[in-house]
């Protein structure tokens, strides 16, 4: 996908111009471009989130820990064997 199609807009978004740094970043992406996936598949919900929609503190902490582990395992900075042992 070219950067020109990223900077185009549809009826659900405001027109904007990408900076040179953004264009270079988007052009260098090698994995799934989730901005494009969201643009093609996502819809806007009529539901507005409220404080009652927040996860409880215990679940929030568990998800945060899982997210940190996933980030470490996915970046390959630290060997996965080391992560499992520690």
N, C-alpha and C. Protein backbone atom coordinates (compact mmCIF):
# COMPACT_ATOMS: atom_id res chain seq x y z
N UNK A 1 0.84 -1.18 0.00
CA UNK A 1 0.00 0.00 0.00
C UNK A 1 0.88 1.23 0.00
N UNK A 2 0.58 2.17 -0.80
CA UNK A 2 1.41 3.36 -0.89
C UNK A 2 1.01 4.39 0.15
N UNK A 3 1.93 5.30 0.43
CA UNK A 3 1.63 6.33 1.43
C UNK A 3 0.56 7.28 0.93
N UNK A 4 0.41 7.41 -0.37
CA UNK A 4 -0.61 8.33 -0.88
C UNK A 4 -2.00 7.87 -0.49
N UNK A 5 -2.24 6.53 -0.45
CA UNK A 5 -3.56 6.07 -0.06
C UNK A 5 -3.77 6.19 1.44
N UNK A 6 -2.70 6.21 2.21
CA UNK A 6 -2.83 6.41 3.66
C UNK A 6 -3.27 7.83 3.94
N UNK A 7 -2.74 8.79 3.19
CA UNK A 7 -3.06 10.18 3.47
C UNK A 7 -4.41 10.60 2.89
N UNK A 8 -4.99 9.78 2.00
CA UNK A 8 -6.32 10.13 1.50
C UNK A 8 -7.32 9.97 2.63
N UNK A 9 -8.48 10.57 2.47
CA UNK A 9 -9.45 10.51 3.56
C UNK A 9 -10.79 10.03 3.04
N UNK A 10 -11.61 9.56 3.95
CA UNK A 10 -12.96 9.16 3.62
C UNK A 10 -13.94 9.99 4.46
N UNK A 11 -15.19 9.65 4.39
CA UNK A 11 -16.20 10.46 5.08
C UNK A 11 -16.11 10.33 6.60
N UNK A 12 -15.38 9.32 7.11
CA UNK A 12 -15.29 9.12 8.56
C UNK A 12 -14.07 9.77 9.18
N UNK A 13 -13.22 10.42 8.40
CA UNK A 13 -12.02 11.01 8.97
C UNK A 13 -11.78 12.39 8.37
N UNK A 14 -11.03 13.17 9.10
CA UNK A 14 -10.68 14.49 8.62
C UNK A 14 -9.48 14.40 7.70
N UNK A 15 -9.39 15.23 6.67
CA UNK A 15 -8.22 15.19 5.81
C UNK A 15 -6.99 15.63 6.59
N UNK A 16 -5.85 14.97 6.33
CA UNK A 16 -4.63 15.37 6.98
C UNK A 16 -3.46 15.06 6.06
N UNK A 17 -2.39 15.74 6.29
CA UNK A 17 -1.18 15.53 5.51
C UNK A 17 -0.16 14.84 6.39
N UNK A 18 0.48 13.82 5.83
CA UNK A 18 1.50 13.10 6.58
C UNK A 18 2.82 13.88 6.54
N UNK A 19 3.55 13.82 7.64
CA UNK A 19 4.88 14.42 7.66
C UNK A 19 5.82 13.51 6.87
N UNK A 20 6.98 14.03 6.52
CA UNK A 20 7.96 13.21 5.80
C UNK A 20 8.36 12.00 6.65
N UNK A 21 8.51 12.20 7.96
CA UNK A 21 8.88 11.09 8.85
C UNK A 21 7.79 10.02 8.86
N UNK A 22 6.52 10.42 8.87
CA UNK A 22 5.43 9.45 8.84
C UNK A 22 5.43 8.68 7.52
N UNK A 23 5.62 9.37 6.42
CA UNK A 23 5.67 8.71 5.12
C UNK A 23 6.78 7.66 5.09
N UNK A 24 7.96 8.01 5.62
CA UNK A 24 9.09 7.09 5.63
C UNK A 24 8.80 5.90 6.55
N UNK A 25 8.18 6.16 7.69
CA UNK A 25 7.84 5.08 8.62
C UNK A 25 6.86 4.11 7.97
N UNK A 26 5.80 4.63 7.38
CA UNK A 26 4.79 3.77 6.76
C UNK A 26 5.39 2.99 5.59
N UNK A 27 6.24 3.62 4.81
CA UNK A 27 6.86 2.95 3.66
C UNK A 27 7.79 1.83 4.10
N UNK A 28 8.38 1.94 5.30
CA UNK A 28 9.34 0.95 5.79
C UNK A 28 8.67 -0.23 6.49
N UNK A 29 7.36 -0.17 6.72
CA UNK A 29 6.68 -1.24 7.43
C UNK A 29 6.76 -2.55 6.66
N UNK A 30 7.06 -3.61 7.37
CA UNK A 30 7.17 -4.93 6.75
C UNK A 30 6.06 -5.88 7.21
N UNK A 31 5.47 -5.61 8.36
CA UNK A 31 4.43 -6.48 8.90
C UNK A 31 3.05 -5.97 8.50
N UNK A 32 2.02 -6.59 9.00
CA UNK A 32 0.65 -6.19 8.71
C UNK A 32 0.43 -4.72 9.07
N UNK A 33 -0.11 -3.96 8.15
CA UNK A 33 -0.37 -2.55 8.38
C UNK A 33 -1.77 -2.43 8.99
N UNK A 34 -1.81 -2.32 10.34
CA UNK A 34 -3.10 -2.31 11.01
C UNK A 34 -3.88 -1.03 10.79
N UNK A 35 -3.22 0.06 10.44
CA UNK A 35 -3.96 1.28 10.08
C UNK A 35 -4.80 1.02 8.84
N UNK A 36 -4.21 0.32 7.86
CA UNK A 36 -4.94 0.00 6.64
C UNK A 36 -6.07 -0.98 6.94
N UNK A 37 -5.78 -2.01 7.74
CA UNK A 37 -6.81 -2.99 8.10
C UNK A 37 -7.98 -2.29 8.79
N UNK A 38 -7.67 -1.41 9.73
CA UNK A 38 -8.72 -0.68 10.44
C UNK A 38 -9.52 0.20 9.49
N UNK A 39 -8.83 0.85 8.57
CA UNK A 39 -9.52 1.74 7.64
C UNK A 39 -10.49 0.96 6.75
N UNK A 40 -10.08 -0.24 6.34
CA UNK A 40 -10.89 -1.04 5.44
C UNK A 40 -12.02 -1.77 6.17
N UNK A 41 -11.75 -2.27 7.37
CA UNK A 41 -12.71 -3.15 8.04
C UNK A 41 -13.47 -2.52 9.20
N UNK A 42 -12.95 -1.49 9.79
CA UNK A 42 -13.54 -0.95 11.02
C UNK A 42 -14.77 -0.08 10.73
N UNK A 43 -15.62 -0.03 11.72
CA UNK A 43 -16.75 0.89 11.67
C UNK A 43 -16.76 1.67 12.97
N UNK A 44 -17.43 2.79 12.97
CA UNK A 44 -17.56 3.60 14.18
C UNK A 44 -18.77 3.11 14.96
N UNK A 45 -18.59 2.95 16.26
CA UNK A 45 -19.67 2.50 17.11
C UNK A 45 -20.50 3.69 17.58
N UNK A 46 -21.77 3.46 17.74
CA UNK A 46 -22.64 4.50 18.30
C UNK A 46 -22.54 4.51 19.83
N UNK A 47 -21.91 3.49 20.40
CA UNK A 47 -21.77 3.38 21.85
C UNK A 47 -20.55 4.16 22.32
N UNK A 48 -20.73 4.99 23.34
CA UNK A 48 -19.63 5.74 23.93
C UNK A 48 -19.22 5.07 25.23
N UNK A 49 -17.92 4.76 25.34
CA UNK A 49 -17.43 4.11 26.56
C UNK A 49 -17.56 5.04 27.76
N UNK A 50 -17.83 4.45 28.91
CA UNK A 50 -17.98 5.20 30.16
C UNK A 50 -17.11 4.52 31.23
N UNK A 51 -16.98 5.12 32.38
CA UNK A 51 -16.20 4.49 33.46
C UNK A 51 -16.68 3.08 33.82
N UNK A 52 -17.96 2.78 33.64
CA UNK A 52 -18.45 1.45 33.97
C UNK A 52 -17.89 0.38 33.03
N UNK A 53 -17.32 0.79 31.92
CA UNK A 53 -16.75 -0.15 30.96
C UNK A 53 -15.29 -0.51 31.26
N UNK A 54 -14.71 0.15 32.25
CA UNK A 54 -13.33 -0.14 32.62
C UNK A 54 -13.20 -1.55 33.21
N UNK A 55 -12.07 -2.20 32.92
CA UNK A 55 -11.79 -3.50 33.53
C UNK A 55 -11.45 -3.27 34.99
N UNK A 56 -11.75 -4.27 35.84
CA UNK A 56 -11.39 -4.12 37.24
C UNK A 56 -9.86 -4.16 37.37
N UNK A 57 -9.37 -3.70 38.49
CA UNK A 57 -7.92 -3.54 38.70
C UNK A 57 -7.15 -4.84 38.54
N UNK A 58 -7.71 -5.94 39.03
CA UNK A 58 -7.02 -7.24 38.94
C UNK A 58 -6.85 -7.65 37.47
N UNK A 59 -7.92 -7.55 36.70
CA UNK A 59 -7.85 -7.91 35.28
C UNK A 59 -6.91 -6.97 34.54
N UNK A 60 -6.97 -5.70 34.86
CA UNK A 60 -6.08 -4.71 34.24
C UNK A 60 -4.62 -5.09 34.47
N UNK A 61 -4.27 -5.45 35.71
CA UNK A 61 -2.90 -5.83 36.05
C UNK A 61 -2.47 -7.09 35.29
N UNK A 62 -3.36 -8.08 35.23
CA UNK A 62 -3.03 -9.31 34.51
C UNK A 62 -2.80 -9.04 33.03
N UNK A 63 -3.64 -8.22 32.43
CA UNK A 63 -3.48 -7.89 31.01
C UNK A 63 -2.20 -7.10 30.77
N UNK A 64 -1.86 -6.20 31.69
CA UNK A 64 -0.63 -5.42 31.56
C UNK A 64 0.59 -6.33 31.60
N UNK A 65 0.59 -7.29 32.54
CA UNK A 65 1.71 -8.23 32.64
C UNK A 65 1.81 -9.09 31.38
N UNK A 66 0.68 -9.57 30.90
CA UNK A 66 0.66 -10.37 29.68
C UNK A 66 1.16 -9.56 28.50
N UNK A 67 0.74 -8.32 28.42
CA UNK A 67 1.19 -7.45 27.33
C UNK A 67 2.68 -7.21 27.37
N UNK A 68 3.24 -7.04 28.56
CA UNK A 68 4.68 -6.84 28.68
C UNK A 68 5.43 -8.09 28.25
N UNK A 69 4.95 -9.25 28.65
CA UNK A 69 5.59 -10.50 28.25
C UNK A 69 5.51 -10.66 26.73
N UNK A 70 4.34 -10.41 26.17
CA UNK A 70 4.16 -10.54 24.72
C UNK A 70 5.08 -9.61 23.97
N UNK A 71 5.21 -8.39 24.44
CA UNK A 71 6.10 -7.43 23.78
C UNK A 71 7.54 -7.93 23.81
N UNK A 72 7.98 -8.43 24.95
CA UNK A 72 9.34 -8.96 25.06
C UNK A 72 9.53 -10.16 24.14
N UNK A 73 8.58 -11.08 24.15
CA UNK A 73 8.69 -12.30 23.34
C UNK A 73 8.65 -11.98 21.85
N UNK A 74 7.90 -10.98 21.48
CA UNK A 74 7.71 -10.65 20.06
C UNK A 74 8.87 -9.85 19.49
N UNK A 75 9.59 -9.12 20.30
CA UNK A 75 10.67 -8.27 19.78
C UNK A 75 11.98 -9.02 19.61
N UNK A 76 12.11 -10.18 20.23
CA UNK A 76 13.32 -11.00 20.13
C UNK A 76 14.57 -10.31 20.65
N UNK A 77 14.41 -9.29 21.47
CA UNK A 77 15.56 -8.64 22.09
C UNK A 77 16.13 -9.55 23.17
N UNK A 78 15.23 -10.20 23.90
CA UNK A 78 15.62 -11.13 24.95
C UNK A 78 15.23 -12.53 24.46
N UNK A 79 16.15 -13.51 24.52
CA UNK A 79 15.81 -14.86 24.06
C UNK A 79 14.59 -15.42 24.81
N UNK A 80 13.69 -16.05 24.09
CA UNK A 80 12.45 -16.57 24.66
C UNK A 80 12.74 -17.58 25.77
N UNK A 81 13.77 -18.42 25.61
CA UNK A 81 14.14 -19.37 26.66
C UNK A 81 14.43 -18.66 27.98
N UNK A 82 15.12 -17.53 27.90
CA UNK A 82 15.42 -16.75 29.10
C UNK A 82 14.13 -16.24 29.75
N UNK A 83 13.19 -15.80 28.93
CA UNK A 83 11.92 -15.29 29.47
C UNK A 83 11.16 -16.38 30.21
N UNK A 84 11.10 -17.57 29.63
CA UNK A 84 10.37 -18.66 30.28
C UNK A 84 11.04 -19.09 31.58
N UNK A 85 12.37 -19.04 31.63
CA UNK A 85 13.10 -19.46 32.83
C UNK A 85 13.03 -18.42 33.94
N UNK A 86 12.78 -17.18 33.58
CA UNK A 86 12.78 -16.11 34.56
C UNK A 86 11.43 -15.47 34.66
